[in-house]
Amino acid sequence: MKIDDAAARLEALGNPTRLKIYRALVRAGRAGMPVGRLQERLKIPASTLSHHIKTLVSVGLISQVREGTTLVCHAEYDTMQGLVDFLVAECCIDETQCEKAQTAA
C-alpha cells in the first residue's frame, strides 16, 4: 500500500462519526447494512451520514450497492486488512537492528 493511500484512509477514520459508521459496517459482516438502518442505529441526520459515507467510499474503506430501492453499505475487508498490514509491516525492525548493534559493542 502506498503511504498516501494509507494516510488518506487513516485521516478518514480519524473523524469520530466516520469511525462509528465504519465500525458498525465492519460489525455487520459481509451482508453489509442498509443506509436507513445505519442512520437509525447511529442516530445521524441523513445529510450528515451521506457526507461521511461519501468520504469513506472515496478512500476505498466502504462500498455501496443498490439492492432494489435500498442502498446497502459494505465494509471493504481487503482494504481494511491492507491498511492493518501496512501499519504492522515493519513493526520493531529498528529495534532488532538496535539490539544487534548493542550486542556487537
N, C-alpha and C. Protein backbone atom coordinates (compact mmCIF):
# COMPACT_ATOMS: atom_id res chain seq x y z
N MET A 1 0.85 -1.17 0.00
CA MET A 1 0.00 0.00 0.00
C MET A 1 0.89 1.23 0.00
N LYS A 2 0.51 2.21 -0.78
CA LYS A 2 1.25 3.46 -0.85
C LYS A 2 0.96 4.28 0.41
N ILE A 3 1.96 5.02 0.83
CA ILE A 3 1.82 5.81 2.06
C ILE A 3 0.71 6.85 1.93
N ASP A 4 0.52 7.43 0.74
CA ASP A 4 -0.54 8.42 0.56
C ASP A 4 -1.92 7.79 0.72
N ASP A 5 -2.08 6.54 0.24
CA ASP A 5 -3.36 5.84 0.40
C ASP A 5 -3.62 5.53 1.88
N ALA A 6 -2.59 5.06 2.56
CA ALA A 6 -2.73 4.76 3.99
C ALA A 6 -3.08 6.02 4.77
N ALA A 7 -2.42 7.13 4.44
CA ALA A 7 -2.68 8.39 5.15
C ALA A 7 -4.11 8.86 4.92
N ALA A 8 -4.60 8.74 3.69
CA ALA A 8 -5.97 9.16 3.38
C ALA A 8 -6.98 8.30 4.14
N ARG A 9 -6.74 7.02 4.23
CA ARG A 9 -7.65 6.12 4.94
C ARG A 9 -7.62 6.39 6.44
N LEU A 10 -6.45 6.60 6.98
CA LEU A 10 -6.35 6.90 8.40
C LEU A 10 -6.97 8.25 8.72
N GLU A 11 -6.81 9.21 7.82
CA GLU A 11 -7.43 10.52 8.02
C GLU A 11 -8.95 10.39 8.04
N ALA A 12 -9.49 9.58 7.12
CA ALA A 12 -10.95 9.38 7.07
C ALA A 12 -11.44 8.75 8.37
N LEU A 13 -10.69 7.81 8.90
CA LEU A 13 -11.09 7.15 10.14
C LEU A 13 -10.81 8.00 11.38
N GLY A 14 -10.09 9.10 11.21
CA GLY A 14 -9.77 9.99 12.31
C GLY A 14 -10.95 10.84 12.77
N ASN A 15 -12.03 10.81 12.02
CA ASN A 15 -13.24 11.54 12.40
C ASN A 15 -14.12 10.60 13.22
N PRO A 16 -14.56 10.99 14.42
CA PRO A 16 -15.35 10.09 15.27
C PRO A 16 -16.62 9.55 14.60
N THR A 17 -17.32 10.38 13.85
CA THR A 17 -18.55 9.92 13.21
C THR A 17 -18.24 8.88 12.14
N ARG A 18 -17.22 9.13 11.33
CA ARG A 18 -16.85 8.16 10.30
C ARG A 18 -16.35 6.86 10.92
N LEU A 19 -15.63 6.96 12.03
CA LEU A 19 -15.16 5.76 12.69
C LEU A 19 -16.34 4.94 13.22
N LYS A 20 -17.36 5.60 13.75
CA LYS A 20 -18.57 4.89 14.21
C LYS A 20 -19.26 4.20 13.04
N ILE A 21 -19.38 4.89 11.92
CA ILE A 21 -20.01 4.30 10.73
C ILE A 21 -19.21 3.08 10.29
N TYR A 22 -17.91 3.24 10.19
CA TYR A 22 -17.05 2.14 9.73
C TYR A 22 -17.13 0.94 10.66
N ARG A 23 -17.07 1.17 11.95
CA ARG A 23 -17.14 0.07 12.91
C ARG A 23 -18.49 -0.66 12.82
N ALA A 24 -19.56 0.10 12.63
CA ALA A 24 -20.87 -0.52 12.50
C ALA A 24 -20.92 -1.42 11.27
N LEU A 25 -20.31 -0.96 10.18
CA LEU A 25 -20.30 -1.77 8.95
C LEU A 25 -19.38 -2.98 9.07
N VAL A 26 -18.27 -2.82 9.75
CA VAL A 26 -17.39 -3.97 9.98
C VAL A 26 -18.12 -5.02 10.80
N ARG A 27 -18.84 -4.57 11.82
CA ARG A 27 -19.59 -5.49 12.68
C ARG A 27 -20.75 -6.15 11.94
N ALA A 28 -21.29 -5.46 10.93
CA ALA A 28 -22.43 -6.00 10.18
C ALA A 28 -22.04 -7.22 9.35
N GLY A 29 -20.78 -7.38 9.07
CA GLY A 29 -20.34 -8.53 8.30
C GLY A 29 -20.48 -8.31 6.80
N ARG A 30 -20.30 -9.38 6.06
CA ARG A 30 -20.30 -9.31 4.59
C ARG A 30 -21.65 -8.89 4.02
N ALA A 31 -22.73 -9.09 4.74
CA ALA A 31 -24.05 -8.69 4.25
C ALA A 31 -24.20 -7.18 4.20
N GLY A 32 -23.39 -6.46 4.95
CA GLY A 32 -23.48 -5.01 4.97
C GLY A 32 -24.70 -4.54 5.74
N MET A 33 -25.03 -3.25 5.52
CA MET A 33 -26.16 -2.67 6.23
C MET A 33 -26.80 -1.60 5.36
N PRO A 34 -28.12 -1.64 5.26
CA PRO A 34 -28.81 -0.57 4.51
C PRO A 34 -28.56 0.79 5.16
N VAL A 35 -28.47 1.80 4.33
CA VAL A 35 -28.21 3.16 4.81
C VAL A 35 -29.24 3.58 5.85
N GLY A 36 -30.50 3.26 5.62
CA GLY A 36 -31.56 3.64 6.57
C GLY A 36 -31.35 3.03 7.94
N ARG A 37 -30.95 1.78 7.98
CA ARG A 37 -30.71 1.12 9.27
C ARG A 37 -29.47 1.71 9.95
N LEU A 38 -28.46 2.02 9.15
CA LEU A 38 -27.26 2.65 9.69
C LEU A 38 -27.61 4.01 10.30
N GLN A 39 -28.45 4.76 9.63
CA GLN A 39 -28.88 6.06 10.13
C GLN A 39 -29.64 5.92 11.44
N GLU A 40 -30.55 4.96 11.50
CA GLU A 40 -31.32 4.72 12.73
C GLU A 40 -30.42 4.30 13.88
N ARG A 41 -29.52 3.38 13.58
CA ARG A 41 -28.65 2.84 14.63
C ARG A 41 -27.74 3.91 15.23
N LEU A 42 -27.18 4.77 14.35
CA LEU A 42 -26.22 5.76 14.82
C LEU A 42 -26.85 7.12 15.13
N LYS A 43 -28.13 7.26 14.81
CA LYS A 43 -28.86 8.50 15.07
C LYS A 43 -28.15 9.70 14.45
N ILE A 44 -27.87 9.58 13.15
CA ILE A 44 -27.18 10.61 12.38
C ILE A 44 -28.16 11.15 11.34
N PRO A 45 -28.25 12.47 11.17
CA PRO A 45 -29.10 13.01 10.11
C PRO A 45 -28.67 12.48 8.73
N ALA A 46 -29.62 12.31 7.85
CA ALA A 46 -29.35 11.72 6.52
C ALA A 46 -28.27 12.48 5.76
N SER A 47 -28.31 13.80 5.77
CA SER A 47 -27.32 14.57 5.02
C SER A 47 -25.92 14.39 5.60
N THR A 48 -25.83 14.34 6.91
CA THR A 48 -24.53 14.13 7.58
C THR A 48 -24.00 12.73 7.27
N LEU A 49 -24.87 11.74 7.34
CA LEU A 49 -24.47 10.37 7.05
C LEU A 49 -23.97 10.26 5.61
N SER A 50 -24.70 10.86 4.70
CA SER A 50 -24.33 10.82 3.29
C SER A 50 -22.95 11.42 3.07
N HIS A 51 -22.68 12.54 3.71
CA HIS A 51 -21.38 13.20 3.61
C HIS A 51 -20.26 12.27 4.09
N HIS A 52 -20.45 11.64 5.22
CA HIS A 52 -19.41 10.78 5.79
C HIS A 52 -19.25 9.50 4.97
N ILE A 53 -20.34 8.95 4.49
CA ILE A 53 -20.26 7.75 3.65
C ILE A 53 -19.46 8.06 2.39
N LYS A 54 -19.72 9.21 1.79
CA LYS A 54 -19.00 9.61 0.58
C LYS A 54 -17.50 9.63 0.82
N THR A 55 -17.08 10.14 1.96
CA THR A 55 -15.66 10.18 2.30
C THR A 55 -15.09 8.78 2.43
N LEU A 56 -15.79 7.90 3.12
CA LEU A 56 -15.31 6.53 3.31
C LEU A 56 -15.26 5.77 1.99
N VAL A 57 -16.22 6.02 1.11
CA VAL A 57 -16.22 5.39 -0.21
C VAL A 57 -15.03 5.90 -1.02
N SER A 58 -14.77 7.21 -0.96
CA SER A 58 -13.71 7.81 -1.78
C SER A 58 -12.32 7.27 -1.45
N VAL A 59 -12.11 6.80 -0.22
CA VAL A 59 -10.80 6.24 0.15
C VAL A 59 -10.80 4.71 0.09
N GLY A 60 -11.91 4.13 -0.33
CA GLY A 60 -11.97 2.69 -0.54
C GLY A 60 -12.24 1.84 0.69
N LEU A 61 -12.63 2.46 1.80
CA LEU A 61 -12.89 1.68 3.01
C LEU A 61 -14.26 1.02 3.00
N ILE A 62 -15.22 1.61 2.29
CA ILE A 62 -16.54 1.01 2.16
C ILE A 62 -17.00 1.11 0.71
N SER A 63 -18.01 0.32 0.38
CA SER A 63 -18.64 0.40 -0.94
C SER A 63 -20.15 0.41 -0.73
N GLN A 64 -20.85 0.80 -1.77
CA GLN A 64 -22.31 0.82 -1.72
C GLN A 64 -22.86 0.04 -2.91
N VAL A 65 -23.94 -0.69 -2.67
CA VAL A 65 -24.60 -1.46 -3.71
C VAL A 65 -26.09 -1.20 -3.60
N ARG A 66 -26.71 -0.94 -4.73
CA ARG A 66 -28.15 -0.74 -4.73
C ARG A 66 -28.81 -2.11 -4.89
N GLU A 67 -29.68 -2.43 -3.96
CA GLU A 67 -30.46 -3.67 -3.99
C GLU A 67 -31.92 -3.27 -4.07
N GLY A 68 -32.45 -3.20 -5.29
CA GLY A 68 -33.80 -2.70 -5.49
C GLY A 68 -33.84 -1.22 -5.18
N THR A 69 -34.64 -0.86 -4.19
CA THR A 69 -34.73 0.55 -3.80
C THR A 69 -33.86 0.87 -2.59
N THR A 70 -33.13 -0.12 -2.11
CA THR A 70 -32.32 0.04 -0.90
C THR A 70 -30.85 0.18 -1.25
N LEU A 71 -30.19 1.14 -0.63
CA LEU A 71 -28.75 1.32 -0.79
C LEU A 71 -28.07 0.66 0.42
N VAL A 72 -27.22 -0.32 0.12
CA VAL A 72 -26.56 -1.09 1.18
C VAL A 72 -25.07 -0.77 1.18
N CYS A 73 -24.54 -0.48 2.36
CA CYS A 73 -23.12 -0.20 2.54
C CYS A 73 -22.40 -1.45 3.04
N HIS A 74 -21.19 -1.62 2.54
CA HIS A 74 -20.37 -2.78 2.92
C HIS A 74 -18.97 -2.31 3.29
N ALA A 75 -18.42 -2.85 4.35
CA ALA A 75 -17.02 -2.61 4.67
C ALA A 75 -16.18 -3.37 3.65
N GLU A 76 -15.11 -2.75 3.19
CA GLU A 76 -14.18 -3.41 2.27
C GLU A 76 -13.08 -4.05 3.12
N TYR A 77 -13.28 -5.34 3.41
CA TYR A 77 -12.39 -6.04 4.33
C TYR A 77 -10.97 -6.18 3.79
N ASP A 78 -10.81 -6.36 2.48
CA ASP A 78 -9.47 -6.47 1.92
C ASP A 78 -8.70 -5.16 2.10
N THR A 79 -9.39 -4.03 1.94
CA THR A 79 -8.76 -2.73 2.14
C THR A 79 -8.39 -2.55 3.61
N MET A 80 -9.29 -2.96 4.50
CA MET A 80 -9.02 -2.86 5.93
C MET A 80 -7.79 -3.71 6.28
N GLN A 81 -7.73 -4.93 5.76
CA GLN A 81 -6.60 -5.80 6.05
C GLN A 81 -5.31 -5.22 5.48
N GLY A 82 -5.39 -4.63 4.30
CA GLY A 82 -4.22 -4.00 3.71
C GLY A 82 -3.70 -2.85 4.56
N LEU A 83 -4.61 -2.07 5.13
CA LEU A 83 -4.21 -0.97 6.00
C LEU A 83 -3.55 -1.49 7.27
N VAL A 84 -4.14 -2.50 7.87
CA VAL A 84 -3.55 -3.09 9.08
C VAL A 84 -2.18 -3.68 8.76
N ASP A 85 -2.08 -4.40 7.64
CA ASP A 85 -0.79 -4.98 7.24
C ASP A 85 0.26 -3.89 7.03
N PHE A 86 -0.15 -2.79 6.39
CA PHE A 86 0.76 -1.67 6.17
C PHE A 86 1.28 -1.14 7.51
N LEU A 87 0.40 -1.03 8.49
CA LEU A 87 0.79 -0.46 9.79
C LEU A 87 1.75 -1.36 10.56
N VAL A 88 1.63 -2.66 10.39
CA VAL A 88 2.48 -3.57 11.16
C VAL A 88 3.61 -4.18 10.35
N ALA A 89 3.71 -3.84 9.08
CA ALA A 89 4.69 -4.48 8.19
C ALA A 89 6.12 -4.35 8.70
N GLU A 90 6.45 -3.24 9.27
CA GLU A 90 7.83 -3.02 9.70
C GLU A 90 7.94 -2.91 11.22
N CYS A 91 7.02 -3.54 11.89
CA CYS A 91 6.99 -3.47 13.35
C CYS A 91 8.31 -3.95 13.95
N CYS A 92 8.90 -3.11 14.74
CA CYS A 92 10.10 -3.41 15.54
C CYS A 92 11.35 -3.67 14.71
N ILE A 93 11.36 -3.34 13.42
CA ILE A 93 12.55 -3.57 12.59
C ILE A 93 13.75 -2.82 13.16
N ASP A 94 13.56 -1.56 13.48
CA ASP A 94 14.68 -0.77 14.02
C ASP A 94 15.13 -1.27 15.38
N GLU A 95 14.19 -1.75 16.17
CA GLU A 95 14.53 -2.27 17.49
C GLU A 95 15.47 -3.47 17.36
N THR A 96 15.19 -4.35 16.43
CA THR A 96 16.03 -5.52 16.22
C THR A 96 17.43 -5.10 15.78
N GLN A 97 17.50 -4.12 14.89
CA GLN A 97 18.80 -3.63 14.44
C GLN A 97 19.56 -2.98 15.59
N CYS A 98 18.84 -2.28 16.44
CA CYS A 98 19.49 -1.65 17.60
C CYS A 98 20.05 -2.71 18.55
N GLU A 99 19.30 -3.77 18.75
CA GLU A 99 19.77 -4.84 19.63
C GLU A 99 21.04 -5.47 19.09
N LYS A 100 21.13 -5.68 17.78
CA LYS A 100 22.34 -6.26 17.17
C LYS A 100 23.53 -5.33 17.36
N ALA A 101 23.29 -4.02 17.20
CA ALA A 101 24.37 -3.05 17.36
C ALA A 101 24.87 -3.04 18.81
N GLN A 102 23.98 -3.12 19.78
CA GLN A 102 24.37 -3.10 21.18
C GLN A 102 25.11 -4.37 21.55
N THR A 103 24.71 -5.50 20.96
CA THR A 103 25.36 -6.77 21.25
C THR A 103 26.79 -6.76 20.70
N ALA A 104 26.97 -6.15 19.54
CA ALA A 104 28.29 -6.10 18.91
C ALA A 104 29.23 -5.17 19.66
N ALA A 105 28.72 -4.19 20.37
CA ALA A 105 29.58 -3.20 21.06
C ALA A 105 30.08 -3.74 22.34
